[in-house]
Amino acid sequence: MSRSGNKKPVGFGTHIIAGGIAGACEALTCQPLDTIKVRMQLSRSGRGGTKARGFIATGAYIVKRETPLALYKGLGAVLSGIVPKMAIRFASFEAYKKALADKETGKTSVGGIFIAGLGAGTTEAVAVVTPMEVVKIRLQAQQHSLADPLEAPRYRNAAHAVYTIVREEGFATLYRGVSLTALRQATNQGESFIGLGANFTAYQEIKKFAHRMQPDLPELPSYQHMLIGLISGAMGPFSNAPIDTIKTR
């Protein structure tokens, strides 16, 4: 029997653990970029506190004014929400997919999978992502210097931010922007689960092109997979940038 025939199906718990670890690695790597992005989105809103700057200038200003650790503001909120988000995403997707499956064959159509993805994205947005984003952005928007102990921030950490927001502004404040967050997450997951999103389409097409250019290679080198992933991964954020900016404001 072939090696592939001996493989056992991956369990739900394994998916959650693997997704959580992958999400944590992504957050640790990308949080500085996300913080710079949020500051740039807020720069013209009257609440960000600084004039509009470019990407590099914004990052340099944060590091100079608030120390390099400031680039990781809001990381606790992201890390605390990763595992619940992954659990809700996969569990709700499977539930929606099962509900939309054909009663006779038990199979779900392409359209059904897309709708299940939309439902999963909406569910995770309402249950976890929106409160997590509100807390993360509140922390990222603070421009206190971590080098000055006398410059006390309004929110000390994610837990304190949740407590302060609920106490002073009400629980509903954690769900500001929920409609836009749900739209963003629904679009992302609908595309991702069906495998027809802009990033997946670009990934597959660029990968095919690379294979045609190197017909002698049975498999593309890992660095080429990484480059293809970088290019295709930019498609999703590019299409969702307007939604994300409005949501942040």
C-alpha atoms as a PDB file:
ATOM      1  CA  MET A   1       0.000   0.000   0.000  1.00  0.00           C
ATOM      2  CA  SER A   2       1.248   3.489  -0.805  1.00  0.00           C
ATOM      3  CA  ARG A   3       2.336   5.870   1.895  1.00  0.00           C
ATOM      4  CA  SER A   4      -0.581   8.183   1.115  1.00  0.00           C
ATOM      5  CA  GLY A   5      -3.013   5.325   1.664  1.00  0.00           C
ATOM      6  CA  ASN A   6      -1.813   4.965   5.261  1.00  0.00           C
ATOM      7  CA  LYS A   7      -2.487   8.572   6.165  1.00  0.00           C
ATOM      8  CA  LYS A   8      -5.171   9.177   8.742  1.00  0.00           C
ATOM      9  CA  PRO A   9      -7.488  12.196   8.493  1.00  0.00           C
ATOM     10  CA  VAL A  10      -6.316  15.164  10.505  1.00  0.00           C
ATOM     11  CA  GLY A  11      -8.478  15.737  13.580  1.00  0.00           C
ATOM     12  CA  PHE A  12     -10.300  18.951  14.425  1.00  0.00           C
ATOM     13  CA  GLY A  13      -8.081  19.591  17.458  1.00  0.00           C
ATOM     14  CA  THR A  14      -4.954  19.331  15.313  1.00  0.00           C
ATOM     15  CA  HIS A  15      -6.362  21.905  12.894  1.00  0.00           C
ATOM     16  CA  ILE A  16      -7.036  24.286  15.799  1.00  0.00           C
ATOM     17  CA  ILE A  17      -3.579  23.838  17.344  1.00  0.00           C
ATOM     18  CA  ALA A  18      -1.792  24.170  14.001  1.00  0.00           C
ATOM     19  CA  GLY A  19      -3.895  27.183  13.059  1.00  0.00           C
ATOM     20  CA  GLY A  20      -3.251  28.783  16.436  1.00  0.00           C
ATOM     21  CA  ILE A  21       0.507  28.307  16.166  1.00  0.00           C
ATOM     22  CA  ALA A  22       0.544  29.585  12.589  1.00  0.00           C
ATOM     23  CA  GLY A  23      -1.580  32.571  13.582  1.00  0.00           C
ATOM     24  CA  ALA A  24       0.713  33.357  16.509  1.00  0.00           C
ATOM     25  CA  CYS A  25       3.773  33.245  14.246  1.00  0.00           C
ATOM     26  CA  GLU A  26       2.014  35.518  11.777  1.00  0.00           C
ATOM     27  CA  ALA A  27       1.064  37.969  14.541  1.00  0.00           C
ATOM     28  CA  LEU A  28       4.604  38.064  15.957  1.00  0.00           C
ATOM     29  CA  THR A  29       5.999  38.739  12.490  1.00  0.00           C
ATOM     30  CA  CYS A  30       3.406  41.162  11.178  1.00  0.00           C
ATOM     31  CA  GLN A  31       2.344  43.133  14.261  1.00  0.00           C
ATOM     32  CA  PRO A  32       4.860  45.969  13.622  1.00  0.00           C
ATOM     33  CA  LEU A  33       3.512  46.336  10.085  1.00  0.00           C
ATOM     34  CA  ASP A  34      -0.050  46.299  11.374  1.00  0.00           C
ATOM     35  CA  THR A  35       0.708  48.967  13.979  1.00  0.00           C
ATOM     36  CA  ILE A  36       2.219  51.220  11.320  1.00  0.00           C
ATOM     37  CA  LYS A  37      -0.814  50.574   9.093  1.00  0.00           C
ATOM     38  CA  VAL A  38      -3.248  51.535  11.876  1.00  0.00           C
ATOM     39  CA  ARG A  39      -1.310  54.734  12.656  1.00  0.00           C
ATOM     40  CA  MET A  40      -1.373  55.660   8.974  1.00  0.00           C
ATOM     41  CA  GLN A  41      -5.114  54.967   8.779  1.00  0.00           C
ATOM     42  CA  LEU A  42      -5.715  57.206  11.809  1.00  0.00           C
ATOM     43  CA  SER A  43      -3.329  59.976  10.800  1.00  0.00           C
ATOM     44  CA  ARG A  44      -6.011  62.100   9.132  1.00  0.00           C
ATOM     45  CA  SER A  45      -8.846  61.228  11.489  1.00  0.00           C
ATOM     46  CA  GLY A  46      -8.000  63.770  14.152  1.00  0.00           C
ATOM     47  CA  ARG A  47      -7.535  60.997  16.717  1.00  0.00           C
ATOM     48  CA  GLY A  48      -4.175  59.589  15.686  1.00  0.00           C
ATOM     49  CA  GLY A  49      -2.375  62.701  16.929  1.00  0.00           C
ATOM     50  CA  THR A  50       0.158  63.075  14.110  1.00  0.00           C
ATOM     51  CA  LYS A  51       0.146  64.429  10.598  1.00  0.00           C
ATOM     52  CA  ALA A  52       0.009  61.998   7.706  1.00  0.00           C
ATOM     53  CA  ARG A  53       3.338  60.302   7.011  1.00  0.00           C
ATOM     54  CA  GLY A  54       4.574  57.587   4.682  1.00  0.00           C
ATOM     55  CA  PHE A  55       5.109  53.978   5.731  1.00  0.00           C
ATOM     56  CA  ILE A  56       8.819  54.251   6.574  1.00  0.00           C
ATOM     57  CA  ALA A  57       8.448  57.683   8.176  1.00  0.00           C
ATOM     58  CA  THR A  58       5.583  56.458  10.352  1.00  0.00           C
ATOM     59  CA  GLY A  59       7.606  53.462  11.543  1.00  0.00           C
ATOM     60  CA  ALA A  60      10.658  55.609  12.206  1.00  0.00           C
ATOM     61  CA  TYR A  61       8.561  58.129  14.172  1.00  0.00           C
ATOM     62  CA  ILE A  62       7.086  55.385  16.361  1.00  0.00           C
ATOM     63  CA  VAL A  63      10.507  53.893  17.097  1.00  0.00           C
ATOM     64  CA  LYS A  64      12.069  57.301  17.845  1.00  0.00           C
ATOM     65  CA  ARG A  65       9.191  58.637  19.932  1.00  0.00           C
ATOM     66  CA  GLU A  66       7.958  55.475  21.664  1.00  0.00           C
ATOM     67  CA  THR A  67      10.793  52.878  21.408  1.00  0.00           C
ATOM     68  CA  PRO A  68      10.788  49.797  19.122  1.00  0.00           C
ATOM     69  CA  LEU A  69       8.541  47.858  21.529  1.00  0.00           C
ATOM     70  CA  ALA A  70       5.718  50.248  20.628  1.00  0.00           C
ATOM     71  CA  LEU A  71       5.477  48.497  17.274  1.00  0.00           C
ATOM     72  CA  TYR A  72       4.040  45.530  19.198  1.00  0.00           C
ATOM     73  CA  LYS A  73       1.233  47.432  20.910  1.00  0.00           C
ATOM     74  CA  GLY A  74      -1.966  45.392  20.742  1.00  0.00           C
ATOM     75  CA  LEU A  75      -0.142  42.087  20.335  1.00  0.00           C
ATOM     76  CA  GLY A  76      -1.719  40.650  23.496  1.00  0.00           C
ATOM     77  CA  ALA A  77      -5.208  41.228  22.116  1.00  0.00           C
ATOM     78  CA  VAL A  78      -4.303  39.448  18.891  1.00  0.00           C
ATOM     79  CA  LEU A  79      -2.656  36.465  20.582  1.00  0.00           C
ATOM     80  CA  SER A  80      -5.532  36.003  23.027  1.00  0.00           C
ATOM     81  CA  GLY A  81      -8.040  35.814  20.204  1.00  0.00           C
ATOM     82  CA  ILE A  82      -6.216  33.536  17.780  1.00  0.00           C
ATOM     83  CA  VAL A  83      -7.207  30.110  19.141  1.00  0.00           C
ATOM     84  CA  PRO A  84     -10.887  31.019  19.771  1.00  0.00           C
ATOM     85  CA  LYS A  85     -11.037  32.560  16.307  1.00  0.00           C
ATOM     86  CA  MET A  86      -9.653  29.423  14.654  1.00  0.00           C
ATOM     87  CA  ALA A  87     -11.968  27.156  16.653  1.00  0.00           C
ATOM     88  CA  ILE A  88     -15.048  29.184  15.750  1.00  0.00           C
ATOM     89  CA  ARG A  89     -13.961  29.479  12.120  1.00  0.00           C
ATOM     90  CA  PHE A  90     -13.565  25.752  11.495  1.00  0.00           C
ATOM     91  CA  ALA A  91     -16.461  24.628  13.679  1.00  0.00           C
ATOM     92  CA  SER A  92     -18.942  27.083  12.148  1.00  0.00           C
ATOM     93  CA  PHE A  93     -17.731  26.357   8.620  1.00  0.00           C
ATOM     94  CA  GLU A  94     -18.276  22.630   9.062  1.00  0.00           C
ATOM     95  CA  ALA A  95     -21.708  23.251  10.591  1.00  0.00           C
ATOM     96  CA  TYR A  96     -22.796  25.531   7.743  1.00  0.00           C
ATOM     97  CA  LYS A  97     -21.343  23.201   5.120  1.00  0.00           C
ATOM     98  CA  LYS A  98     -23.194  20.236   6.605  1.00  0.00           C
ATOM     99  CA  ALA A  99     -26.456  22.204   6.701  1.00  0.00           C
ATOM    100  CA  LEU A 100     -26.049  23.161   3.035  1.00  0.00           C
ATOM    101  CA  ALA A 101     -25.071  19.665   1.866  1.00  0.00           C
ATOM    102  CA  ASP A 102     -27.251  17.697  -0.520  1.00  0.00           C
ATOM    103  CA  LYS A 103     -29.549  15.433   1.521  1.00  0.00           C
ATOM    104  CA  GLU A 104     -29.035  12.465  -0.796  1.00  0.00           C
ATOM    105  CA  THR A 105     -25.315  12.604  -1.626  1.00  0.00           C
ATOM    106  CA  GLY A 106     -24.083  14.417   1.462  1.00  0.00           C
ATOM    107  CA  LYS A 107     -21.875  16.611  -0.741  1.00  0.00           C
ATOM    108  CA  THR A 108     -21.841  20.399  -0.661  1.00  0.00           C
ATOM    109  CA  SER A 109     -21.787  22.340  -3.920  1.00  0.00           C
ATOM    110  CA  VAL A 110     -19.209  25.006  -4.746  1.00  0.00           C
ATOM    111  CA  GLY A 111     -21.799  27.690  -4.092  1.00  0.00           C
ATOM    112  CA  GLY A 112     -22.692  26.053  -0.789  1.00  0.00           C
ATOM    113  CA  ILE A 113     -19.051  26.023   0.296  1.00  0.00           C
ATOM    114  CA  PHE A 114     -18.758  29.701  -0.566  1.00  0.00           C
ATOM    115  CA  ILE A 115     -21.876  30.515   1.473  1.00  0.00           C
ATOM    116  CA  ALA A 116     -20.551  28.391   4.349  1.00  0.00           C
ATOM    117  CA  GLY A 117     -17.321  30.399   4.184  1.00  0.00           C
ATOM    118  CA  LEU A 118     -19.277  33.645   4.297  1.00  0.00           C
ATOM    119  CA  GLY A 119     -21.167  32.357   7.325  1.00  0.00           C
ATOM    120  CA  ALA A 120     -17.970  31.252   9.067  1.00  0.00           C
ATOM    121  CA  GLY A 121     -16.347  34.654   8.485  1.00  0.00           C
ATOM    122  CA  THR A 122     -19.411  36.479   9.802  1.00  0.00           C
ATOM    123  CA  THR A 123     -19.604  34.212  12.847  1.00  0.00           C
ATOM    124  CA  GLU A 124     -15.967  34.693  13.812  1.00  0.00           C
ATOM    125  CA  ALA A 125     -16.274  38.450  13.262  1.00  0.00           C
ATOM    126  CA  VAL A 126     -19.191  38.733  15.669  1.00  0.00           C
ATOM    127  CA  ALA A 127     -17.907  36.249  18.256  1.00  0.00           C
ATOM    128  CA  VAL A 128     -14.201  37.152  18.454  1.00  0.00           C
ATOM    129  CA  VAL A 129     -12.657  39.331  15.758  1.00  0.00           C
ATOM    130  CA  THR A 130     -14.550  42.604  16.259  1.00  0.00           C
ATOM    131  CA  PRO A 131     -13.885  42.932  20.028  1.00  0.00           C
ATOM    132  CA  MET A 132     -10.291  41.832  19.440  1.00  0.00           C
ATOM    133  CA  GLU A 133      -9.837  44.459  16.713  1.00  0.00           C
ATOM    134  CA  VAL A 134     -11.375  47.243  18.812  1.00  0.00           C
ATOM    135  CA  VAL A 135      -9.022  46.493  21.718  1.00  0.00           C
ATOM    136  CA  LYS A 136      -6.012  46.076  19.426  1.00  0.00           C
ATOM    137  CA  ILE A 137      -6.599  49.359  17.641  1.00  0.00           C
ATOM    138  CA  ARG A 138      -7.189  51.247  20.898  1.00  0.00           C
ATOM    139  CA  LEU A 139      -3.802  50.002  22.141  1.00  0.00           C
ATOM    140  CA  GLN A 140      -2.056  50.717  18.832  1.00  0.00           C
ATOM    141  CA  ALA A 141      -3.480  54.241  18.685  1.00  0.00           C
ATOM    142  CA  GLN A 142      -1.894  55.206  22.015  1.00  0.00           C
ATOM    143  CA  GLN A 143       1.195  57.296  21.440  1.00  0.00           C
ATOM    144  CA  HIS A 144       2.737  57.213  24.887  1.00  0.00           C
ATOM    145  CA  SER A 145       6.454  56.506  25.197  1.00  0.00           C
ATOM    146  CA  LEU A 146       7.330  53.175  26.743  1.00  0.00           C
ATOM    147  CA  ALA A 147      10.683  54.679  27.784  1.00  0.00           C
ATOM    148  CA  ASP A 148       9.049  57.251  30.063  1.00  0.00           C
ATOM    149  CA  PRO A 149       7.454  55.675  33.166  1.00  0.00           C
ATOM    150  CA  LEU A 150       5.726  58.967  33.990  1.00  0.00           C
ATOM    151  CA  GLU A 151       3.844  58.973  30.702  1.00  0.00           C
ATOM    152  CA  ALA A 152       1.048  56.608  31.720  1.00  0.00           C
ATOM    153  CA  PRO A 153      -1.105  55.178  28.924  1.00  0.00           C
ATOM    154  CA  ARG A 154      -4.875  55.139  29.063  1.00  0.00           C
ATOM    155  CA  TYR A 155      -4.867  51.362  28.472  1.00  0.00           C
ATOM    156  CA  ARG A 156      -2.071  49.327  30.085  1.00  0.00           C
ATOM    157  CA  ASN A 157      -2.743  46.044  28.298  1.00  0.00           C
ATOM    158  CA  ALA A 158      -5.511  44.125  26.505  1.00  0.00           C
ATOM    159  CA  ALA A 159      -7.334  43.054  29.675  1.00  0.00           C
ATOM    160  CA  HIS A 160      -7.223  46.582  31.105  1.00  0.00           C
ATOM    161  CA  ALA A 161      -8.448  47.978  27.804  1.00  0.00           C
ATOM    162  CA  VAL A 162     -11.470  45.644  27.808  1.00  0.00           C
ATOM    163  CA  TYR A 163     -12.257  46.554  31.423  1.00  0.00           C
ATOM    164  CA  THR A 164     -11.923  50.295  30.826  1.00  0.00           C
ATOM    165  CA  ILE A 165     -13.919  50.302  27.586  1.00  0.00           C
ATOM    166  CA  VAL A 166     -16.809  48.322  29.091  1.00  0.00           C
ATOM    167  CA  ARG A 167     -16.819  50.388  32.306  1.00  0.00           C
ATOM    168  CA  GLU A 168     -16.641  53.812  30.655  1.00  0.00           C
ATOM    169  CA  GLU A 169     -18.324  53.306  27.296  1.00  0.00           C
ATOM    170  CA  GLY A 170     -20.470  50.201  27.646  1.00  0.00           C
ATOM    171  CA  PHE A 171     -20.180  46.654  26.335  1.00  0.00           C
ATOM    172  CA  ALA A 172     -21.591  47.621  22.929  1.00  0.00           C
ATOM    173  CA  THR A 173     -18.461  49.695  22.250  1.00  0.00           C
ATOM    174  CA  LEU A 174     -16.518  46.462  21.741  1.00  0.00           C
ATOM    175  CA  TYR A 175     -18.696  45.890  18.673  1.00  0.00           C
ATOM    176  CA  ARG A 176     -18.163  49.188  16.919  1.00  0.00           C
ATOM    177  CA  GLY A 177     -17.509  48.492  13.253  1.00  0.00           C
ATOM    178  CA  VAL A 178     -18.932  44.965  13.494  1.00  0.00           C
ATOM    179  CA  SER A 179     -20.704  45.239  10.125  1.00  0.00           C
ATOM    180  CA  LEU A 180     -17.516  46.186   8.287  1.00  0.00           C
ATOM    181  CA  THR A 181     -15.457  43.631  10.176  1.00  0.00           C
ATOM    182  CA  ALA A 182     -18.038  40.968   9.328  1.00  0.00           C
ATOM    183  CA  LEU A 183     -17.953  42.027   5.669  1.00  0.00           C
ATOM    184  CA  ARG A 184     -14.153  41.789   5.614  1.00  0.00           C
ATOM    185  CA  GLN A 185     -14.010  38.426   7.397  1.00  0.00           C
ATOM    186  CA  ALA A 186     -16.922  36.976   5.411  1.00  0.00           C
ATOM    187  CA  THR A 187     -15.271  37.935   2.134  1.00  0.00           C
ATOM    188  CA  ASN A 188     -11.922  36.525   3.253  1.00  0.00           C
ATOM    189  CA  GLN A 189     -13.315  33.210   4.499  1.00  0.00           C
ATOM    190  CA  GLY A 190     -15.797  32.791   1.683  1.00  0.00           C
ATOM    191  CA  GLU A 191     -12.949  33.094  -0.771  1.00  0.00           C
ATOM    192  CA  SER A 192     -10.469  31.091   1.294  1.00  0.00           C
ATOM    193  CA  PHE A 193     -12.647  28.055   1.957  1.00  0.00           C
ATOM    194  CA  ILE A 194     -13.758  27.821  -1.649  1.00  0.00           C
ATOM    195  CA  GLY A 195     -10.226  28.381  -2.900  1.00  0.00           C
ATOM    196  CA  LEU A 196     -11.320  30.970  -5.485  1.00  0.00           C
ATOM    197  CA  GLY A 197     -10.290  34.185  -3.725  1.00  0.00           C
ATOM    198  CA  ALA A 198      -7.987  36.718  -5.311  1.00  0.00           C
ATOM    199  CA  ASN A 199      -4.985  35.508  -3.336  1.00  0.00           C
ATOM    200  CA  PHE A 200      -5.615  31.812  -4.059  1.00  0.00           C
ATOM    201  CA  THR A 201      -6.251  32.486  -7.755  1.00  0.00           C
ATOM    202  CA  ALA A 202      -3.065  34.514  -8.036  1.00  0.00           C
ATOM    203  CA  TYR A 203      -1.110  31.851  -6.137  1.00  0.00           C
ATOM    204  CA  GLN A 204      -2.263  29.062  -8.442  1.00  0.00           C
ATOM    205  CA  GLU A 205      -1.697  31.071 -11.643  1.00  0.00           C
ATOM    206  CA  ILE A 206       1.770  32.288 -10.646  1.00  0.00           C
ATOM    207  CA  LYS A 207       2.684  28.765  -9.554  1.00  0.00           C
ATOM    208  CA  LYS A 208       1.582  27.368 -12.933  1.00  0.00           C
ATOM    209  CA  PHE A 209       3.631  30.035 -14.713  1.00  0.00           C
ATOM    210  CA  ALA A 210       6.706  29.151 -12.635  1.00  0.00           C
ATOM    211  CA  HIS A 211       6.291  25.470 -13.518  1.00  0.00           C
ATOM    212  CA  ARG A 212       6.038  26.303 -17.221  1.00  0.00           C
ATOM    213  CA  MET A 213       9.209  28.360 -17.027  1.00  0.00           C
ATOM    214  CA  GLN A 214      11.049  25.489 -15.269  1.00  0.00           C
ATOM    215  CA  PRO A 215       9.633  22.281 -16.785  1.00  0.00           C
ATOM    216  CA  ASP A 216      12.593  20.202 -15.629  1.00  0.00           C
ATOM    217  CA  LEU A 217      11.877  20.794 -11.938  1.00  0.00           C
ATOM    218  CA  PRO A 218       9.483  18.226 -10.402  1.00  0.00           C
ATOM    219  CA  GLU A 219       8.770  20.648  -7.536  1.00  0.00           C
ATOM    220  CA  LEU A 220       9.411  24.353  -7.075  1.00  0.00           C
ATOM    221  CA  PRO A 221      12.117  25.338  -4.556  1.00  0.00           C
ATOM    222  CA  SER A 222      10.900  26.571  -1.211  1.00  0.00           C
ATOM    223  CA  TYR A 223      12.134  30.129  -1.818  1.00  0.00           C
ATOM    224  CA  GLN A 224       9.965  30.307  -4.943  1.00  0.00           C
ATOM    225  CA  HIS A 225       6.938  29.144  -2.966  1.00  0.00           C
ATOM    226  CA  MET A 226       7.690  31.922  -0.491  1.00  0.00           C
ATOM    227  CA  LEU A 227       7.968  34.580  -3.212  1.00  0.00           C
ATOM    228  CA  ILE A 228       4.765  33.386  -4.864  1.00  0.00           C
ATOM    229  CA  GLY A 229       3.036  33.464  -1.494  1.00  0.00           C
ATOM    230  CA  LEU A 230       4.242  37.024  -0.861  1.00  0.00           C
ATOM    231  CA  ILE A 231       2.876  38.211  -4.206  1.00  0.00           C
ATOM    232  CA  SER A 232      -0.445  36.386  -4.006  1.00  0.00           C
ATOM    233  CA  GLY A 233      -0.900  37.228  -0.334  1.00  0.00           C
ATOM    234  CA  ALA A 234      -0.950  40.919  -1.216  1.00  0.00           C
ATOM    235  CA  MET A 235      -4.127  40.463  -3.276  1.00  0.00           C
ATOM    236  CA  GLY A 236      -6.448  40.065  -0.287  1.00  0.00           C
ATOM    237  CA  PRO A 237      -5.249  43.131   1.685  1.00  0.00           C
ATOM    238  CA  PHE A 238      -5.260  45.205  -1.508  1.00  0.00           C
ATOM    239  CA  SER A 239      -8.920  44.407  -2.187  1.00  0.00           C
ATOM    240  CA  ASN A 240      -9.937  44.834   1.482  1.00  0.00           C
ATOM    241  CA  ALA A 241      -7.960  48.021   2.245  1.00  0.00           C
ATOM    242  CA  PRO A 242     -10.906  50.450   1.868  1.00  0.00           C
ATOM    243  CA  ILE A 243     -13.091  48.351   4.184  1.00  0.00           C
ATOM    244  CA  ASP A 244     -10.272  48.053   6.704  1.00  0.00           C
ATOM    245  CA  THR A 245      -9.551  51.798   6.732  1.00  0.00           C
ATOM    246  CA  ILE A 246     -13.200  52.688   7.348  1.00  0.00           C
ATOM    247  CA  LYS A 247     -13.384  50.008  10.052  1.00  0.00           C
ATOM    248  CA  THR A 248     -10.297  51.385  11.807  1.00  0.00           C
ATOM    249  CA  ARG A 249     -11.627  54.949  11.766  1.00  0.00           C
END
